Structures are given as C-alpha cells and as structure tokens.
Amino acid sequence: MNFETKRVGDITVFKLNEKRFDTNISGLVKGEFTMLLKVEGINKLIIDLSEVETCDSSGLSALLVANRILQANEGKIRLVAPSEKVHTLIKITQLDRVLPVCDTVDDAFEEIKNE
C-alpha cells in the first residue's frame, strides 16, 4: 500500500496513493488509521483521495473506522478530492452526511481548523 502523511500543526493529511481502495488494501488502511488516531493521538484528519479512482464497501468501511475513532475523541475528519465515481458512491450510501467532502486540501484545512 502506498500512502503519505504530512502534519501541519495539529492537522494530519493522509494521502492514499492507490488507484483502487478496495478489499486488497482496506485492512492495511484501517490499521494505519488506528495507529495514527489511537497511538499518535491525532484528532484532526484530512484524507486525500485525489489518486483513488475506485472504491468498494471495504474502502468505505476503512473511512468509517477513522471517523468512529475521531468521533470518540471529539476529532474532525474531511475527505478531499474523491473521483466522480468515488464521490457518487459516498453520496449513494449517504456517507456524505457523516464524512464531509472538500474539493481541495486547502479547503479542508480552512474548514477543520475553524471547528
């Protein structure tokens, strides 16, 4: 699994550099989210999906794991730049109600730092 993380103050950006966010990597992503959020104590997370072309239910499940951990710690999450296909899936499953989506990382920074 290819990803990168960047910290700016108390906000962490997790960029998934994979075309497919599916069963093959979702377990690894969940593990990484758990490490970042529970072990490192991050409570403001931006997930950059700009490289992801397709996502399945296990990919969405990984995003919900991050959201659940963050909610338990009064944290904030933003998804950034999902492909049209991924964004449609997020809307169809009504996850856009609990996983706010932003167009750019900069937009996400502005929203999350002001909350």
C-alpha atoms as a PDB file:
ATOM      1  CA  MET A   1       0.000   0.000   0.000  1.00  0.00           C
ATOM      2  CA  ASN A   2       1.336   3.393  -0.981  1.00  0.00           C
ATOM      3  CA  PHE A   3       0.448   6.425   1.115  1.00  0.00           C
ATOM      4  CA  GLU A   4       1.998   9.507   2.646  1.00  0.00           C
ATOM      5  CA  THR A   5       1.234  11.545   5.723  1.00  0.00           C
ATOM      6  CA  LYS A   6       2.012  15.153   6.431  1.00  0.00           C
ATOM      7  CA  ARG A   7       1.466  17.061   9.644  1.00  0.00           C
ATOM      8  CA  VAL A   8       0.780  20.772   9.775  1.00  0.00           C
ATOM      9  CA  GLY A   9       0.276  21.886  13.358  1.00  0.00           C
ATOM     10  CA  ASP A  10      -2.422  19.685  14.859  1.00  0.00           C
ATOM     11  CA  ILE A  11      -3.820  18.624  11.462  1.00  0.00           C
ATOM     12  CA  THR A  12      -2.643  15.476   9.655  1.00  0.00           C
ATOM     13  CA  VAL A  13      -3.117  14.847   5.941  1.00  0.00           C
ATOM     14  CA  PHE A  14      -3.249  11.189   4.885  1.00  0.00           C
ATOM     15  CA  LYS A  15      -2.874  10.813   1.116  1.00  0.00           C
ATOM     16  CA  LEU A  16      -3.674   7.413  -0.333  1.00  0.00           C
ATOM     17  CA  ASN A  17      -1.560   6.937  -3.465  1.00  0.00           C
ATOM     18  CA  GLU A  18      -3.505   3.999  -4.854  1.00  0.00           C
ATOM     19  CA  LYS A  19      -5.899   3.741  -7.813  1.00  0.00           C
ATOM     20  CA  ARG A  20      -8.108   1.189  -6.060  1.00  0.00           C
ATOM     21  CA  PHE A  21      -9.314   1.488  -2.482  1.00  0.00           C
ATOM     22  CA  ASP A  22     -10.734  -1.984  -2.027  1.00  0.00           C
ATOM     23  CA  THR A  23     -10.522  -5.230  -0.069  1.00  0.00           C
ATOM     24  CA  ASN A  24      -6.861  -5.691  -1.015  1.00  0.00           C
ATOM     25  CA  ILE A  25      -5.714  -2.662   0.990  1.00  0.00           C
ATOM     26  CA  SER A  26      -8.610  -1.661   3.255  1.00  0.00           C
ATOM     27  CA  GLY A  27      -7.311  -3.722   6.182  1.00  0.00           C
ATOM     28  CA  LEU A  28      -3.909  -2.042   5.914  1.00  0.00           C
ATOM     29  CA  VAL A  29      -5.534   1.390   5.731  1.00  0.00           C
ATOM     30  CA  LYS A  30      -7.668   0.622   8.803  1.00  0.00           C
ATOM     31  CA  GLY A  31      -4.516  -0.401  10.651  1.00  0.00           C
ATOM     32  CA  GLU A  32      -2.746   2.789   9.627  1.00  0.00           C
ATOM     33  CA  PHE A  33      -5.718   4.933  10.698  1.00  0.00           C
ATOM     34  CA  THR A  34      -5.805   3.134  14.045  1.00  0.00           C
ATOM     35  CA  MET A  35      -2.075   3.779  14.579  1.00  0.00           C
ATOM     36  CA  LEU A  36      -2.360   7.455  13.658  1.00  0.00           C
ATOM     37  CA  LEU A  37      -5.514   8.141  15.640  1.00  0.00           C
ATOM     38  CA  LYS A  38      -5.092   5.977  18.723  1.00  0.00           C
ATOM     39  CA  VAL A  39      -1.330   5.636  19.166  1.00  0.00           C
ATOM     40  CA  GLU A  40      -0.236   9.052  17.884  1.00  0.00           C
ATOM     41  CA  GLY A  41      -3.325  10.802  19.234  1.00  0.00           C
ATOM     42  CA  ILE A  42      -4.245  12.696  16.083  1.00  0.00           C
ATOM     43  CA  ASN A  43      -7.702  14.225  16.231  1.00  0.00           C
ATOM     44  CA  LYS A  44      -7.864  16.298  13.041  1.00  0.00           C
ATOM     45  CA  LEU A  45      -7.528  14.161   9.901  1.00  0.00           C
ATOM     46  CA  ILE A  46      -7.764  15.078   6.238  1.00  0.00           C
ATOM     47  CA  ILE A  47      -7.916  12.093   3.889  1.00  0.00           C
ATOM     48  CA  ASP A  48      -6.752  12.996   0.379  1.00  0.00           C
ATOM     49  CA  LEU A  49      -8.417  10.660  -2.127  1.00  0.00           C
ATOM     50  CA  SER A  50      -7.254  12.502  -5.259  1.00  0.00           C
ATOM     51  CA  GLU A  51      -5.317   9.457  -6.578  1.00  0.00           C
ATOM     52  CA  VAL A  52      -8.123   6.954  -5.891  1.00  0.00           C
ATOM     53  CA  GLU A  53     -10.195   6.047  -8.956  1.00  0.00           C
ATOM     54  CA  THR A  54     -12.394   3.310  -7.484  1.00  0.00           C
ATOM     55  CA  CYS A  55     -13.575   2.353  -4.037  1.00  0.00           C
ATOM     56  CA  ASP A  56     -15.687  -0.506  -2.713  1.00  0.00           C
ATOM     57  CA  SER A  57     -17.565  -1.096   0.532  1.00  0.00           C
ATOM     58  CA  SER A  58     -14.414  -2.205   2.353  1.00  0.00           C
ATOM     59  CA  GLY A  59     -12.742   1.090   1.406  1.00  0.00           C
ATOM     60  CA  LEU A  60     -15.742   2.988   2.756  1.00  0.00           C
ATOM     61  CA  SER A  61     -15.550   0.839   5.881  1.00  0.00           C
ATOM     62  CA  ALA A  62     -11.950   1.981   6.452  1.00  0.00           C
ATOM     63  CA  LEU A  63     -13.074   5.621   6.226  1.00  0.00           C
ATOM     64  CA  LEU A  64     -15.824   4.917   8.750  1.00  0.00           C
ATOM     65  CA  VAL A  65     -13.313   3.328  11.147  1.00  0.00           C
ATOM     66  CA  ALA A  66     -11.313   6.570  11.093  1.00  0.00           C
ATOM     67  CA  ASN A  67     -14.492   8.590  11.591  1.00  0.00           C
ATOM     68  CA  ARG A  68     -15.623   6.441  14.539  1.00  0.00           C
ATOM     69  CA  ILE A  69     -12.253   6.750  16.313  1.00  0.00           C
ATOM     70  CA  LEU A  70     -12.231  10.510  15.727  1.00  0.00           C
ATOM     71  CA  GLN A  71     -15.802  10.962  16.972  1.00  0.00           C
ATOM     72  CA  ALA A  72     -14.955   9.084  20.172  1.00  0.00           C
ATOM     73  CA  ASN A  73     -12.177  11.622  20.780  1.00  0.00           C
ATOM     74  CA  GLU A  74     -14.141  14.671  19.595  1.00  0.00           C
ATOM     75  CA  GLY A  75     -11.971  14.822  16.490  1.00  0.00           C
ATOM     76  CA  LYS A  76     -12.683  16.079  12.987  1.00  0.00           C
ATOM     77  CA  ILE A  77     -12.381  14.437   9.576  1.00  0.00           C
ATOM     78  CA  ARG A  78     -12.540  15.681   5.995  1.00  0.00           C
ATOM     79  CA  LEU A  79     -12.327  13.766   2.722  1.00  0.00           C
ATOM     80  CA  VAL A  80     -10.652  15.571  -0.155  1.00  0.00           C
ATOM     81  CA  ALA A  81     -10.956  15.338  -3.935  1.00  0.00           C
ATOM     82  CA  PRO A  82     -12.625  11.957  -4.436  1.00  0.00           C
ATOM     83  CA  SER A  83     -13.030  10.970  -8.085  1.00  0.00           C
ATOM     84  CA  GLU A  84     -16.508  11.382  -9.530  1.00  0.00           C
ATOM     85  CA  LYS A  85     -17.034   7.627  -9.177  1.00  0.00           C
ATOM     86  CA  VAL A  86     -15.964   7.579  -5.515  1.00  0.00           C
ATOM     87  CA  HIS A  87     -17.932  10.724  -4.687  1.00  0.00           C
ATOM     88  CA  THR A  88     -21.059   9.200  -6.240  1.00  0.00           C
ATOM     89  CA  LEU A  89     -20.598   6.100  -4.067  1.00  0.00           C
ATOM     90  CA  ILE A  90     -20.242   8.298  -0.972  1.00  0.00           C
ATOM     91  CA  LYS A  91     -23.467  10.132  -1.892  1.00  0.00           C
ATOM     92  CA  ILE A  92     -25.444   6.974  -2.745  1.00  0.00           C
ATOM     93  CA  THR A  93     -24.534   5.434   0.611  1.00  0.00           C
ATOM     94  CA  GLN A  94     -25.376   8.779   2.281  1.00  0.00           C
ATOM     95  CA  LEU A  95     -21.957   8.823   3.920  1.00  0.00           C
ATOM     96  CA  ASP A  96     -21.597  12.465   2.872  1.00  0.00           C
ATOM     97  CA  ARG A  97     -23.815  13.176   5.900  1.00  0.00           C
ATOM     98  CA  VAL A  98     -21.090  11.960   8.287  1.00  0.00           C
ATOM     99  CA  LEU A  99     -17.962  12.315   6.121  1.00  0.00           C
ATOM    100  CA  PRO A 100     -17.683  15.917   4.883  1.00  0.00           C
ATOM    101  CA  VAL A 101     -16.120  16.210   1.418  1.00  0.00           C
ATOM    102  CA  CYS A 102     -13.953  19.136   0.272  1.00  0.00           C
ATOM    103  CA  ASP A 103     -12.598  19.950  -3.179  1.00  0.00           C
ATOM    104  CA  THR A 104      -9.033  20.711  -2.111  1.00  0.00           C
ATOM    105  CA  VAL A 105      -6.700  20.090   0.813  1.00  0.00           C
ATOM    106  CA  ASP A 106      -6.596  23.850   1.387  1.00  0.00           C
ATOM    107  CA  ASP A 107     -10.408  23.976   1.667  1.00  0.00           C
ATOM    108  CA  ALA A 108     -10.304  21.092   4.140  1.00  0.00           C
ATOM    109  CA  PHE A 109      -7.636  22.884   6.200  1.00  0.00           C
ATOM    110  CA  GLU A 110      -9.787  26.001   6.417  1.00  0.00           C
ATOM    111  CA  GLU A 111     -12.860  24.051   7.493  1.00  0.00           C
ATOM    112  CA  ILE A 112     -11.166  21.776  10.000  1.00  0.00           C
ATOM    113  CA  LYS A 113      -9.004  24.387  11.713  1.00  0.00           C
ATOM    114  CA  ASN A 114     -12.002  26.611  12.351  1.00  0.00           C
ATOM    115  CA  GLU A 115     -14.031  23.910  14.096  1.00  0.00           C
END
